[in-house]
Amino acid sequence: MKLKSTYRGALAGVLLLSCVNLAACKSDADVSAAVQRQQTVYALGKSYDATADLAVAYERNPAADPAVVGKIKAAFQIAHDKIKPLQTAAEAGDPLIEAEIEAAQAAFQAAQKLIPAH
């Protein structure tokens, strides 16, 4: 009887350690994904800033098409409005939602495509 009780105790201990290890692995994966999202937001912000400089340069070009400039400004405002809150959240260490990051990336790519390649 005592041997059976010892085995049950050992089995319970192994199961408990397995659960703890699985939780630690999940926690590490969650942290890694959060860091990846944070890095994506930082990179997106830097790309936005660099491309916005190109948009301003195009706008200042005397040969710039005013209709294109208007579309660029509107598209970059939309991208800015999606990226800025993500940057603020990333800097504060707040959780970042993948769908919001993807929406910001899509808005930025749409704005980027409007800049004439010269």
C-alpha atoms as a PDB file:
ATOM      1  CA  MET A   1       0.000   0.000   0.000  1.00  0.00           C
ATOM      2  CA  LYS A   2       2.774   2.407   0.953  1.00  0.00           C
ATOM      3  CA  LEU A   3       4.567   1.747  -2.370  1.00  0.00           C
ATOM      4  CA  LYS A   4       1.389   2.587  -4.318  1.00  0.00           C
ATOM      5  CA  SER A   5       1.080   5.866  -2.428  1.00  0.00           C
ATOM      6  CA  THR A   6       4.721   6.734  -3.189  1.00  0.00           C
ATOM      7  CA  TYR A   7       4.182   6.103  -6.905  1.00  0.00           C
ATOM      8  CA  ARG A   8       1.080   8.279  -6.911  1.00  0.00           C
ATOM      9  CA  GLY A   9       2.994  11.061  -5.186  1.00  0.00           C
ATOM     10  CA  ALA A  10       5.870  10.787  -7.641  1.00  0.00           C
ATOM     11  CA  LEU A  11       3.464  10.736 -10.593  1.00  0.00           C
ATOM     12  CA  ALA A  12       1.661  13.797  -9.248  1.00  0.00           C
ATOM     13  CA  GLY A  13       5.008  15.571  -8.860  1.00  0.00           C
ATOM     14  CA  VAL A  14       6.024  14.745 -12.438  1.00  0.00           C
ATOM     15  CA  LEU A  15       2.663  15.940 -13.762  1.00  0.00           C
ATOM     16  CA  LEU A  16       2.947  19.153 -11.774  1.00  0.00           C
ATOM     17  CA  LEU A  17       6.447  19.816 -13.131  1.00  0.00           C
ATOM     18  CA  SER A  18       5.226  19.108 -16.668  1.00  0.00           C
ATOM     19  CA  CYS A  19       2.455  21.662 -16.266  1.00  0.00           C
ATOM     20  CA  VAL A  20       4.899  24.212 -14.875  1.00  0.00           C
ATOM     21  CA  ASN A  21       7.301  23.598 -17.785  1.00  0.00           C
ATOM     22  CA  LEU A  22       4.501  23.928 -20.342  1.00  0.00           C
ATOM     23  CA  ALA A  23       3.375  27.185 -18.749  1.00  0.00           C
ATOM     24  CA  ALA A  24       6.946  28.489 -18.828  1.00  0.00           C
ATOM     25  CA  CYS A  25       7.297  27.563 -22.497  1.00  0.00           C
ATOM     26  CA  LYS A  26       4.012  29.261 -23.337  1.00  0.00           C
ATOM     27  CA  SER A  27       5.086  32.301 -21.365  1.00  0.00           C
ATOM     28  CA  ASP A  28       8.410  32.453 -23.238  1.00  0.00           C
ATOM     29  CA  ALA A  29       6.587  32.160 -26.567  1.00  0.00           C
ATOM     30  CA  ASP A  30       4.180  34.931 -25.555  1.00  0.00           C
ATOM     31  CA  VAL A  31       7.067  37.191 -24.556  1.00  0.00           C
ATOM     32  CA  SER A  32       8.906  36.431 -27.788  1.00  0.00           C
ATOM     33  CA  ALA A  33       5.809  37.233 -29.874  1.00  0.00           C
ATOM     34  CA  ALA A  34       5.285  40.465 -27.935  1.00  0.00           C
ATOM     35  CA  VAL A  35       8.893  41.508 -28.528  1.00  0.00           C
ATOM     36  CA  GLN A  36       8.527  40.681 -32.222  1.00  0.00           C
ATOM     37  CA  ARG A  37       5.397  42.832 -32.489  1.00  0.00           C
ATOM     38  CA  GLN A  38       7.186  45.656 -30.676  1.00  0.00           C
ATOM     39  CA  GLN A  39      10.154  45.459 -33.070  1.00  0.00           C
ATOM     40  CA  THR A  40       7.773  45.415 -36.038  1.00  0.00           C
ATOM     41  CA  VAL A  41       6.141  48.615 -34.788  1.00  0.00           C
ATOM     42  CA  TYR A  42       9.517  50.312 -34.287  1.00  0.00           C
ATOM     43  CA  ALA A  43      10.620  49.327 -37.806  1.00  0.00           C
ATOM     44  CA  LEU A  44       7.298  50.456 -39.261  1.00  0.00           C
ATOM     45  CA  GLY A  45       7.660  53.844 -37.566  1.00  0.00           C
ATOM     46  CA  LYS A  46      11.166  54.328 -38.933  1.00  0.00           C
ATOM     47  CA  SER A  47      10.073  53.318 -42.432  1.00  0.00           C
ATOM     48  CA  TYR A  48       7.137  55.700 -42.212  1.00  0.00           C
ATOM     49  CA  ASP A  49       9.403  58.581 -41.179  1.00  0.00           C
ATOM     50  CA  ALA A  50      11.861  57.945 -44.016  1.00  0.00           C
ATOM     51  CA  THR A  51       9.135  57.607 -46.625  1.00  0.00           C
ATOM     52  CA  ALA A  52       7.293  60.663 -45.324  1.00  0.00           C
ATOM     53  CA  ASP A  53      10.485  62.623 -46.007  1.00  0.00           C
ATOM     54  CA  LEU A  54      10.301  61.434 -49.620  1.00  0.00           C
ATOM     55  CA  ALA A  55       6.663  62.488 -49.792  1.00  0.00           C
ATOM     56  CA  VAL A  56       7.540  65.969 -48.535  1.00  0.00           C
ATOM     57  CA  ALA A  57      10.353  66.205 -51.076  1.00  0.00           C
ATOM     58  CA  TYR A  58       7.905  65.309 -53.843  1.00  0.00           C
ATOM     59  CA  GLU A  59       5.392  67.846 -52.551  1.00  0.00           C
ATOM     60  CA  ARG A  60       8.043  70.594 -52.664  1.00  0.00           C
ATOM     61  CA  ASN A  61       9.017  69.727 -56.204  1.00  0.00           C
ATOM     62  CA  PRO A  62       7.704  72.449 -58.531  1.00  0.00           C
ATOM     63  CA  ALA A  63       6.713  69.779 -61.052  1.00  0.00           C
ATOM     64  CA  ALA A  64       4.616  67.849 -58.496  1.00  0.00           C
ATOM     65  CA  ASP A  65       1.066  67.086 -59.548  1.00  0.00           C
ATOM     66  CA  PRO A  66      -1.256  68.767 -57.006  1.00  0.00           C
ATOM     67  CA  ALA A  67      -3.804  65.937 -57.309  1.00  0.00           C
ATOM     68  CA  VAL A  68      -1.133  63.366 -56.472  1.00  0.00           C
ATOM     69  CA  VAL A  69       0.118  65.523 -53.583  1.00  0.00           C
ATOM     70  CA  GLY A  70      -3.424  65.614 -52.169  1.00  0.00           C
ATOM     71  CA  LYS A  71      -3.751  61.828 -52.386  1.00  0.00           C
ATOM     72  CA  ILE A  72      -0.316  61.347 -50.788  1.00  0.00           C
ATOM     73  CA  LYS A  73      -1.150  63.686 -47.909  1.00  0.00           C
ATOM     74  CA  ALA A  74      -4.447  61.922 -47.233  1.00  0.00           C
ATOM     75  CA  ALA A  75      -2.888  58.458 -47.391  1.00  0.00           C
ATOM     76  CA  PHE A  76       0.019  59.429 -45.150  1.00  0.00           C
ATOM     77  CA  GLN A  77      -2.394  60.932 -42.627  1.00  0.00           C
ATOM     78  CA  ILE A  78      -4.299  57.653 -42.476  1.00  0.00           C
ATOM     79  CA  ALA A  79      -1.047  55.711 -42.051  1.00  0.00           C
ATOM     80  CA  HIS A  80       0.121  58.144 -39.366  1.00  0.00           C
ATOM     81  CA  ASP A  81      -3.165  57.787 -37.485  1.00  0.00           C
ATOM     82  CA  LYS A  82      -2.711  54.004 -37.424  1.00  0.00           C
ATOM     83  CA  ILE A  83       1.026  53.939 -36.657  1.00  0.00           C
ATOM     84  CA  LYS A  84       1.285  56.616 -33.946  1.00  0.00           C
ATOM     85  CA  PRO A  85      -0.911  54.854 -31.354  1.00  0.00           C
ATOM     86  CA  LEU A  86       1.044  51.642 -31.935  1.00  0.00           C
ATOM     87  CA  GLN A  87       4.331  53.475 -31.360  1.00  0.00           C
ATOM     88  CA  THR A  88       2.973  54.984 -28.156  1.00  0.00           C
ATOM     89  CA  ALA A  89       1.807  51.561 -26.952  1.00  0.00           C
ATOM     90  CA  ALA A  90       5.140  49.940 -27.861  1.00  0.00           C
ATOM     91  CA  GLU A  91       7.097  52.605 -25.993  1.00  0.00           C
ATOM     92  CA  ALA A  92       4.868  52.140 -22.930  1.00  0.00           C
ATOM     93  CA  GLY A  93       5.232  48.358 -23.092  1.00  0.00           C
ATOM     94  CA  ASP A  94       1.508  47.927 -23.645  1.00  0.00           C
ATOM     95  CA  PRO A  95       0.195  44.896 -25.559  1.00  0.00           C
ATOM     96  CA  LEU A  96       0.157  45.238 -29.321  1.00  0.00           C
ATOM     97  CA  ILE A  97      -2.576  43.615 -31.385  1.00  0.00           C
ATOM     98  CA  GLU A  98      -1.397  41.869 -34.540  1.00  0.00           C
ATOM     99  CA  ALA A  99      -4.449  42.953 -36.555  1.00  0.00           C
ATOM    100  CA  GLU A 100      -3.783  46.615 -35.719  1.00  0.00           C
ATOM    101  CA  ILE A 101      -0.157  46.247 -36.777  1.00  0.00           C
ATOM    102  CA  GLU A 102      -1.233  44.646 -40.055  1.00  0.00           C
ATOM    103  CA  ALA A 103      -3.743  47.451 -40.673  1.00  0.00           C
ATOM    104  CA  ALA A 104      -1.031  50.052 -40.051  1.00  0.00           C
ATOM    105  CA  GLN A 105       1.336  48.235 -42.395  1.00  0.00           C
ATOM    106  CA  ALA A 106      -1.335  48.096 -45.099  1.00  0.00           C
ATOM    107  CA  ALA A 107      -2.095  51.812 -44.723  1.00  0.00           C
ATOM    108  CA  PHE A 108       1.612  52.638 -44.905  1.00  0.00           C
ATOM    109  CA  GLN A 109       2.115  50.474 -48.006  1.00  0.00           C
ATOM    110  CA  ALA A 110      -0.856  52.138 -49.698  1.00  0.00           C
ATOM    111  CA  ALA A 111       0.605  55.579 -48.982  1.00  0.00           C
ATOM    112  CA  GLN A 112       4.059  54.502 -50.074  1.00  0.00           C
ATOM    113  CA  LYS A 113       2.770  53.328 -53.458  1.00  0.00           C
ATOM    114  CA  LEU A 114       1.415  56.798 -54.222  1.00  0.00           C
ATOM    115  CA  ILE A 115       4.842  58.431 -54.263  1.00  0.00           C
ATOM    116  CA  PRO A 116       5.990  58.677 -57.872  1.00  0.00           C
ATOM    117  CA  ALA A 117       9.238  56.820 -58.545  1.00  0.00           C
ATOM    118  CA  HIS A 118      11.601  59.392 -60.026  1.00  0.00           C
END
